[in-house]
Amino acid sequence: MKRATITLPDDLAEAVENYLEAQDARAPLTAVVQAALREYLAERGYLRARGTLRITPAQRGSGRREVSRAHDRYLAAR
């Protein structure tokens, strides 16, 4: 991993601070900068975008109804 020191102009620093304050769970500044840089570079073709998680639900009636509440019991049985 490479370390970098950056200087933010006042308007950008204020926008970042406003964004962080608006979040329910405040993320570290490093995480926000990394996410912004990933998106910027992916849009320009310099970084492969991460794949989207796709979950296909099971057919209705295909399983047991209480698994979401009793998952520990089901996992322990394996």
PDB file of N, CA and C in Angstrom:
ATOM      1  N   MET A   1       0.843  -1.174   0.000  1.00  0.00           N
ATOM      2  CA  MET A   1       0.000   0.000   0.000  1.00  0.00           C
ATOM      3  C   MET A   1       0.888   1.236   0.000  1.00  0.00           C
ATOM      4  N   LYS A   2       0.469   2.219  -0.738  1.00  0.00           N
ATOM      5  CA  LYS A   2       1.231   3.461  -0.854  1.00  0.00           C
ATOM      6  C   LYS A   2       0.572   4.553  -0.018  1.00  0.00           C
ATOM      7  N   ARG A   3       1.372   5.305   0.702  1.00  0.00           N
ATOM      8  CA  ARG A   3       0.876   6.440   1.479  1.00  0.00           C
ATOM      9  C   ARG A   3       1.020   7.702   0.657  1.00  0.00           C
ATOM     10  N   ALA A   4       0.082   8.621   0.857  1.00  0.00           N
ATOM     11  CA  ALA A   4       0.140   9.893   0.153  1.00  0.00           C
ATOM     12  C   ALA A   4      -0.420  10.981   1.062  1.00  0.00           C
ATOM     13  N   THR A   5       0.165  12.131   0.976  1.00  0.00           N
ATOM     14  CA  THR A   5      -0.355  13.301   1.670  1.00  0.00           C
ATOM     15  C   THR A   5      -0.976  14.203   0.620  1.00  0.00           C
ATOM     16  N   ILE A   6      -2.209  14.632   0.864  1.00  0.00           N
ATOM     17  CA  ILE A   6      -2.868  15.496  -0.111  1.00  0.00           C
ATOM     18  C   ILE A   6      -3.290  16.793   0.562  1.00  0.00           C
ATOM     19  N   THR A   7      -3.403  17.813  -0.236  1.00  0.00           N
ATOM     20  CA  THR A   7      -3.903  19.099   0.221  1.00  0.00           C
ATOM     21  C   THR A   7      -5.225  19.352  -0.485  1.00  0.00           C
ATOM     22  N   LEU A   8      -6.251  19.629   0.291  1.00  0.00           N
ATOM     23  CA  LEU A   8      -7.568  19.879  -0.287  1.00  0.00           C
ATOM     24  C   LEU A   8      -7.853  21.371  -0.283  1.00  0.00           C
ATOM     25  N   PRO A   9      -8.324  21.907  -1.406  1.00  0.00           N
ATOM     26  CA  PRO A   9      -8.752  23.300  -1.408  1.00  0.00           C
ATOM     27  C   PRO A   9      -9.937  23.452  -0.442  1.00  0.00           C
ATOM     28  N   ASP A  10     -10.143  24.658   0.042  1.00  0.00           N
ATOM     29  CA  ASP A  10     -11.165  24.899   1.050  1.00  0.00           C
ATOM     30  C   ASP A  10     -12.550  24.417   0.641  1.00  0.00           C
ATOM     31  N   ASP A  11     -12.936  24.639  -0.615  1.00  0.00           N
ATOM     32  CA  ASP A  11     -14.275  24.232  -1.041  1.00  0.00           C
ATOM     33  C   ASP A  11     -14.438  22.716  -1.033  1.00  0.00           C
ATOM     34  N   LEU A  12     -13.401  21.997  -1.442  1.00  0.00           N
ATOM     35  CA  LEU A  12     -13.450  20.545  -1.452  1.00  0.00           C
ATOM     36  C   LEU A  12     -13.416  19.996  -0.026  1.00  0.00           C
ATOM     37  N   ALA A  13     -12.593  20.571   0.819  1.00  0.00           N
ATOM     38  CA  ALA A  13     -12.520  20.146   2.221  1.00  0.00           C
ATOM     39  C   ALA A  13     -13.871  20.341   2.906  1.00  0.00           C
ATOM     40  N   GLU A  14     -14.532  21.458   2.626  1.00  0.00           N
ATOM     41  CA  GLU A  14     -15.831  21.731   3.227  1.00  0.00           C
ATOM     42  C   GLU A  14     -16.885  20.739   2.724  1.00  0.00           C
ATOM     43  N   ALA A  15     -16.845  20.442   1.424  1.00  0.00           N
ATOM     44  CA  ALA A  15     -17.796  19.490   0.853  1.00  0.00           C
ATOM     45  C   ALA A  15     -17.603  18.101   1.462  1.00  0.00           C
ATOM     46  N   VAL A  16     -16.358  17.686   1.635  1.00  0.00           N
ATOM     47  CA  VAL A  16     -16.072  16.382   2.234  1.00  0.00           C
ATOM     48  C   VAL A  16     -16.556  16.363   3.680  1.00  0.00           C
ATOM     49  N   GLU A  17     -16.291  17.403   4.418  1.00  0.00           N
ATOM     50  CA  GLU A  17     -16.723  17.471   5.809  1.00  0.00           C
ATOM     51  C   GLU A  17     -18.249  17.444   5.908  1.00  0.00           C
ATOM     52  N   ASN A  18     -18.929  18.158   5.027  1.00  0.00           N
ATOM     53  CA  ASN A  18     -20.395  18.138   5.008  1.00  0.00           C
ATOM     54  C   ASN A  18     -20.919  16.741   4.701  1.00  0.00           C
ATOM     55  N   TYR A  19     -20.263  16.066   3.766  1.00  0.00           N
ATOM     56  CA  TYR A  19     -20.652  14.694   3.425  1.00  0.00           C
ATOM     57  C   TYR A  19     -20.490  13.781   4.633  1.00  0.00           C
ATOM     58  N   LEU A  20     -19.342  13.855   5.289  1.00  0.00           N
ATOM     59  CA  LEU A  20     -19.082  12.988   6.441  1.00  0.00           C
ATOM     60  C   LEU A  20     -20.082  13.239   7.567  1.00  0.00           C
ATOM     61  N   GLU A  21     -20.400  14.480   7.817  1.00  0.00           N
ATOM     62  CA  GLU A  21     -21.348  14.812   8.885  1.00  0.00           C
ATOM     63  C   GLU A  21     -22.768  14.343   8.571  1.00  0.00           C
ATOM     64  N   ALA A  22     -23.097  14.232   7.293  1.00  0.00           N
ATOM     65  CA  ALA A  22     -24.439  13.818   6.893  1.00  0.00           C
ATOM     66  C   ALA A  22     -24.652  12.308   6.994  1.00  0.00           C
ATOM     67  N   GLN A  23     -23.578  11.551   7.171  1.00  0.00           N
ATOM     68  CA  GLN A  23     -23.686  10.097   7.218  1.00  0.00           C
ATOM     69  C   GLN A  23     -24.121   9.632   8.602  1.00  0.00           C
ATOM     70  N   ASP A  24     -24.939   8.578   8.642  1.00  0.00           N
ATOM     71  CA  ASP A  24     -25.357   7.998   9.925  1.00  0.00           C
ATOM     72  C   ASP A  24     -24.167   7.398  10.656  1.00  0.00           C
ATOM     73  N   ALA A  25     -23.339   6.688   9.908  1.00  0.00           N
ATOM     74  CA  ALA A  25     -22.112   6.104  10.466  1.00  0.00           C
ATOM     75  C   ALA A  25     -20.950   6.791   9.768  1.00  0.00           C
ATOM     76  N   ARG A  26     -20.228   7.604  10.494  1.00  0.00           N
ATOM     77  CA  ARG A  26     -19.159   8.398   9.897  1.00  0.00           C
ATOM     78  C   ARG A  26     -17.997   7.502   9.458  1.00  0.00           C
ATOM     79  N   ALA A  27     -17.677   7.567   8.187  1.00  0.00           N
ATOM     80  CA  ALA A  27     -16.573   6.781   7.626  1.00  0.00           C
ATOM     81  C   ALA A  27     -15.272   7.564   7.794  1.00  0.00           C
ATOM     82  N   PRO A  28     -14.146   6.869   7.873  1.00  0.00           N
ATOM     83  CA  PRO A  28     -12.863   7.570   7.921  1.00  0.00           C
ATOM     84  C   PRO A  28     -12.621   8.327   6.611  1.00  0.00           C
ATOM     85  N   LEU A  29     -11.943   9.447   6.703  1.00  0.00           N
ATOM     86  CA  LEU A  29     -11.626  10.249   5.523  1.00  0.00           C
ATOM     87  C   LEU A  29     -10.896   9.409   4.482  1.00  0.00           C
ATOM     88  N   THR A  30     -10.002   8.549   4.916  1.00  0.00           N
ATOM     89  CA  THR A  30      -9.253   7.691   3.993  1.00  0.00           C
ATOM     90  C   THR A  30     -10.193   6.839   3.146  1.00  0.00           C
ATOM     91  N   ALA A  31     -11.207   6.252   3.765  1.00  0.00           N
ATOM     92  CA  ALA A  31     -12.149   5.404   3.037  1.00  0.00           C
ATOM     93  C   ALA A  31     -12.929   6.206   2.004  1.00  0.00           C
ATOM     94  N   VAL A  32     -13.319   7.420   2.354  1.00  0.00           N
ATOM     95  CA  VAL A  32     -14.071   8.264   1.426  1.00  0.00           C
ATOM     96  C   VAL A  32     -13.207   8.650   0.234  1.00  0.00           C
ATOM     97  N   VAL A  33     -11.965   9.034   0.489  1.00  0.00           N
ATOM     98  CA  VAL A  33     -11.055   9.424  -0.595  1.00  0.00           C
ATOM     99  C   VAL A  33     -10.771   8.220  -1.499  1.00  0.00           C
ATOM    100  N   GLN A  34     -10.540   7.042  -0.907  1.00  0.00           N
ATOM    101  CA  GLN A  34     -10.281   5.847  -1.708  1.00  0.00           C
ATOM    102  C   GLN A  34     -11.485   5.500  -2.585  1.00  0.00           C
ATOM    103  N   ALA A  35     -12.693   5.583  -2.026  1.00  0.00           N
ATOM    104  CA  ALA A  35     -13.903   5.276  -2.799  1.00  0.00           C
ATOM    105  C   ALA A  35     -14.071   6.259  -3.948  1.00  0.00           C
ATOM    106  N   ALA A  36     -13.838   7.536  -3.676  1.00  0.00           N
ATOM    107  CA  ALA A  36     -13.969   8.556  -4.730  1.00  0.00           C
ATOM    108  C   ALA A  36     -12.936   8.337  -5.828  1.00  0.00           C
ATOM    109  N   LEU A  37     -11.719   8.013  -5.454  1.00  0.00           N
ATOM    110  CA  LEU A  37     -10.664   7.795  -6.435  1.00  0.00           C
ATOM    111  C   LEU A  37     -10.935   6.537  -7.259  1.00  0.00           C
ATOM    112  N   ARG A  38     -11.429   5.482  -6.614  1.00  0.00           N
ATOM    113  CA  ARG A  38     -11.784   4.255  -7.345  1.00  0.00           C
ATOM    114  C   ARG A  38     -12.856   4.549  -8.401  1.00  0.00           C
ATOM    115  N   GLU A  39     -13.888   5.273  -7.990  1.00  0.00           N
ATOM    116  CA  GLU A  39     -14.973   5.587  -8.919  1.00  0.00           C
ATOM    117  C   GLU A  39     -14.467   6.448 -10.077  1.00  0.00           C
ATOM    118  N   TYR A  40     -13.655   7.443  -9.776  1.00  0.00           N
ATOM    119  CA  TYR A  40     -13.102   8.338 -10.784  1.00  0.00           C
ATOM    120  C   TYR A  40     -12.275   7.556 -11.813  1.00  0.00           C
ATOM    121  N   LEU A  41     -11.386   6.697 -11.334  1.00  0.00           N
ATOM    122  CA  LEU A  41     -10.513   5.939 -12.236  1.00  0.00           C
ATOM    123  C   LEU A  41     -11.272   4.858 -13.001  1.00  0.00           C
ATOM    124  N   ALA A  42     -12.276   4.244 -12.369  1.00  0.00           N
ATOM    125  CA  ALA A  42     -13.070   3.221 -13.058  1.00  0.00           C
ATOM    126  C   ALA A  42     -13.877   3.844 -14.193  1.00  0.00           C
ATOM    127  N   GLU A  43     -14.438   5.027 -13.960  1.00  0.00           N
ATOM    128  CA  GLU A  43     -15.215   5.702 -15.003  1.00  0.00           C
ATOM    129  C   GLU A  43     -14.361   6.049 -16.213  1.00  0.00           C
ATOM    130  N   ARG A  44     -13.075   6.227 -16.009  1.00  0.00           N
ATOM    131  CA  ARG A  44     -12.177   6.606 -17.098  1.00  0.00           C
ATOM    132  C   ARG A  44     -11.417   5.416 -17.677  1.00  0.00           C
ATOM    133  N   GLY A  45     -11.721   4.213 -17.203  1.00  0.00           N
ATOM    134  CA  GLY A  45     -11.134   3.005 -17.760  1.00  0.00           C
ATOM    135  C   GLY A  45      -9.756   2.644 -17.233  1.00  0.00           C
ATOM    136  N   TYR A  46      -9.323   3.251 -16.156  1.00  0.00           N
ATOM    137  CA  TYR A  46      -8.002   2.950 -15.604  1.00  0.00           C
ATOM    138  C   TYR A  46      -8.048   1.938 -14.468  1.00  0.00           C
ATOM    139  N   LEU A  47      -9.239   1.590 -14.036  1.00  0.00           N
ATOM    140  CA  LEU A  47      -9.405   0.633 -12.949  1.00  0.00           C
ATOM    141  C   LEU A  47     -10.653  -0.169 -13.249  1.00  0.00           C
ATOM    142  N   ARG A  48     -10.526  -1.466 -13.169  1.00  0.00           N
ATOM    143  CA  ARG A  48     -11.682  -2.316 -13.426  1.00  0.00           C
ATOM    144  C   ARG A  48     -12.670  -2.157 -12.270  1.00  0.00           C
ATOM    145  N   ALA A  49     -13.906  -1.888 -12.610  1.00  0.00           N
ATOM    146  CA  ALA A  49     -14.945  -1.721 -11.594  1.00  0.00           C
ATOM    147  C   ALA A  49     -15.190  -3.054 -10.912  1.00  0.00           C
ATOM    148  N   ARG A  50     -15.445  -2.992  -9.626  1.00  0.00           N
ATOM    149  CA  ARG A  50     -15.755  -4.212  -8.883  1.00  0.00           C
ATOM    150  C   ARG A  50     -17.127  -4.710  -9.290  1.00  0.00           C
ATOM    151  N   GLY A  51     -17.269  -6.026  -9.309  1.00  0.00           N
ATOM    152  CA  GLY A  51     -18.540  -6.616  -9.710  1.00  0.00           C
ATOM    153  C   GLY A  51     -19.645  -6.340  -8.704  1.00  0.00           C
ATOM    154  N   THR A  52     -20.855  -6.358  -9.181  1.00  0.00           N
ATOM    155  CA  THR A  52     -22.017  -6.149  -8.336  1.00  0.00           C
ATOM    156  C   THR A  52     -22.462  -7.484  -7.760  1.00  0.00           C
ATOM    157  N   LEU A  53     -22.787  -7.500  -6.494  1.00  0.00           N
ATOM    158  CA  LEU A  53     -23.296  -8.705  -5.860  1.00  0.00           C
ATOM    159  C   LEU A  53     -24.714  -8.947  -6.340  1.00  0.00           C
ATOM    160  N   ARG A  54     -24.947 -10.123  -6.880  1.00  0.00           N
ATOM    161  CA  ARG A  54     -26.283 -10.478  -7.351  1.00  0.00           C
ATOM    162  C   ARG A  54     -26.732 -11.714  -6.591  1.00  0.00           C
ATOM    163  N   ILE A  55     -27.842 -11.596  -5.908  1.00  0.00           N
ATOM    164  CA  ILE A  55     -28.393 -12.711  -5.144  1.00  0.00           C
ATOM    165  C   ILE A  55     -29.695 -13.131  -5.810  1.00  0.00           C
ATOM    166  N   THR A  56     -29.777 -14.405  -6.125  1.00  0.00           N
ATOM    167  CA  THR A  56     -30.990 -14.934  -6.726  1.00  0.00           C
ATOM    168  C   THR A  56     -31.796 -15.619  -5.639  1.00  0.00           C
ATOM    169  N   PRO A  57     -32.979 -15.139  -5.350  1.00  0.00           N
ATOM    170  CA  PRO A  57     -33.777 -15.759  -4.300  1.00  0.00           C
ATOM    171  C   PRO A  57     -34.272 -17.136  -4.715  1.00  0.00           C
ATOM    172  N   ALA A  58     -34.456 -17.986  -3.724  1.00  0.00           N
ATOM    173  CA  ALA A  58     -34.993 -19.316  -3.983  1.00  0.00           C
ATOM    174  C   ALA A  58     -36.465 -19.204  -4.346  1.00  0.00           C
ATOM    175  N   GLN A  59     -36.987 -20.244  -4.943  1.00  0.00           N
ATOM    176  CA  GLN A  59     -38.400 -20.260  -5.297  1.00  0.00           C
ATOM    177  C   GLN A  59     -39.248 -20.203  -4.025  1.00  0.00           C
ATOM    178  N   ARG A  60     -40.383 -19.609  -4.135  1.00  0.00           N
ATOM    179  CA  ARG A  60     -41.281 -19.504  -2.992  1.00  0.00           C
ATOM    180  C   ARG A  60     -41.670 -20.904  -2.515  1.00  0.00           C
ATOM    181  N   GLY A  61     -41.560 -21.102  -1.212  1.00  0.00           N
ATOM    182  CA  GLY A  61     -41.919 -22.395  -0.633  1.00  0.00           C
ATOM    183  C   GLY A  61     -40.819 -23.431  -0.743  1.00  0.00           C
ATOM    184  N   SER A  62     -39.605 -23.030  -1.086  1.00  0.00           N
ATOM    185  CA  SER A  62     -38.531 -23.993  -1.304  1.00  0.00           C
ATOM    186  C   SER A  62     -37.785 -24.391  -0.033  1.00  0.00           C
ATOM    187  N   GLY A  63     -38.036 -23.696   1.066  1.00  0.00           N
ATOM    188  CA  GLY A  63     -37.269 -23.996   2.281  1.00  0.00           C
ATOM    189  C   GLY A  63     -38.081 -23.801   3.534  1.00  0.00           C
ATOM    190  N   ARG A  64     -37.377 -23.731   4.636  1.00  0.00           N
ATOM    191  CA  ARG A  64     -38.021 -23.579   5.933  1.00  0.00           C
ATOM    192  C   ARG A  64     -38.151 -22.103   6.272  1.00  0.00           C
ATOM    193  N   ARG A  65     -39.208 -21.744   6.925  1.00  0.00           N
ATOM    194  CA  ARG A  65     -39.518 -20.350   7.184  1.00  0.00           C
ATOM    195  C   ARG A  65     -38.699 -19.734   8.308  1.00  0.00           C
ATOM    196  N   GLU A  66     -38.236 -20.520   9.270  1.00  0.00           N
ATOM    197  CA  GLU A  66     -37.605 -19.958  10.455  1.00  0.00           C
ATOM    198  C   GLU A  66     -36.086 -19.876  10.368  1.00  0.00           C
ATOM    199  N   VAL A  67     -35.492 -20.181   9.244  1.00  0.00           N
ATOM    200  CA  VAL A  67     -34.036 -20.218   9.132  1.00  0.00           C
ATOM    201  C   VAL A  67     -33.402 -18.867   9.466  1.00  0.00           C
ATOM    202  N   SER A  68     -34.010 -17.772   9.057  1.00  0.00           N
ATOM    203  CA  SER A  68     -33.416 -16.463   9.325  1.00  0.00           C
ATOM    204  C   SER A  68     -33.346 -16.173  10.825  1.00  0.00           C
ATOM    205  N   ARG A  69     -34.257 -16.742  11.591  1.00  0.00           N
ATOM    206  CA  ARG A  69     -34.237 -16.523  13.043  1.00  0.00           C
ATOM    207  C   ARG A  69     -33.419 -17.581  13.768  1.00  0.00           C
ATOM    208  N   ALA A  70     -33.363 -18.786  13.226  1.00  0.00           N
ATOM    209  CA  ALA A  70     -32.698 -19.893  13.914  1.00  0.00           C
ATOM    210  C   ALA A  70     -31.465 -20.357  13.152  1.00  0.00           C
ATOM    211  N   HIS A  71     -30.775 -19.448  12.486  1.00  0.00           N
ATOM    212  CA  HIS A  71     -29.641 -19.845  11.641  1.00  0.00           C
ATOM    213  C   HIS A  71     -28.521 -20.532  12.425  1.00  0.00           C
ATOM    214  N   ASP A  72     -28.285 -20.130  13.659  1.00  0.00           N
ATOM    215  CA  ASP A  72     -27.228 -20.780  14.455  1.00  0.00           C
ATOM    216  C   ASP A  72     -27.518 -22.274  14.647  1.00  0.00           C
ATOM    217  N   ARG A  73     -28.757 -22.609  14.899  1.00  0.00           N
ATOM    218  CA  ARG A  73     -29.125 -24.007  15.076  1.00  0.00           C
ATOM    219  C   ARG A  73     -28.878 -24.782  13.788  1.00  0.00           C
ATOM    220  N   TYR A  74     -29.233 -24.207  12.647  1.00  0.00           N
ATOM    221  CA  TYR A  74     -29.025 -24.885  11.373  1.00  0.00           C
ATOM    222  C   TYR A  74     -27.540 -25.053  11.055  1.00  0.00           C
ATOM    223  N   LEU A  75     -26.747 -24.031  11.337  1.00  0.00           N
ATOM    224  CA  LEU A  75     -25.313 -24.134  11.076  1.00  0.00           C
ATOM    225  C   LEU A  75     -24.643 -25.124  12.012  1.00  0.00           C
ATOM    226  N   ALA A  76     -25.077 -25.205  13.258  1.00  0.00           N
ATOM    227  CA  ALA A  76     -24.492 -26.143  14.222  1.00  0.00           C
ATOM    228  C   ALA A  76     -24.794 -27.586  13.855  1.00  0.00           C
ATOM    229  N   ALA A  77     -25.902 -27.799  13.172  1.00  0.00           N
ATOM    230  CA  ALA A  77     -26.297 -29.153  12.779  1.00  0.00           C
ATOM    231  C   ALA A  77     -25.442 -29.706  11.657  1.00  0.00           C
ATOM    232  N   ARG A  78     -24.701 -28.873  10.972  1.00  0.00           N
ATOM    233  CA  ARG A  78     -23.892 -29.321   9.827  1.00  0.00           C
ATOM    234  C   ARG A  78     -22.675 -29.977  10.298  1.00  0.00           C
TER     235      ARG A  78
END
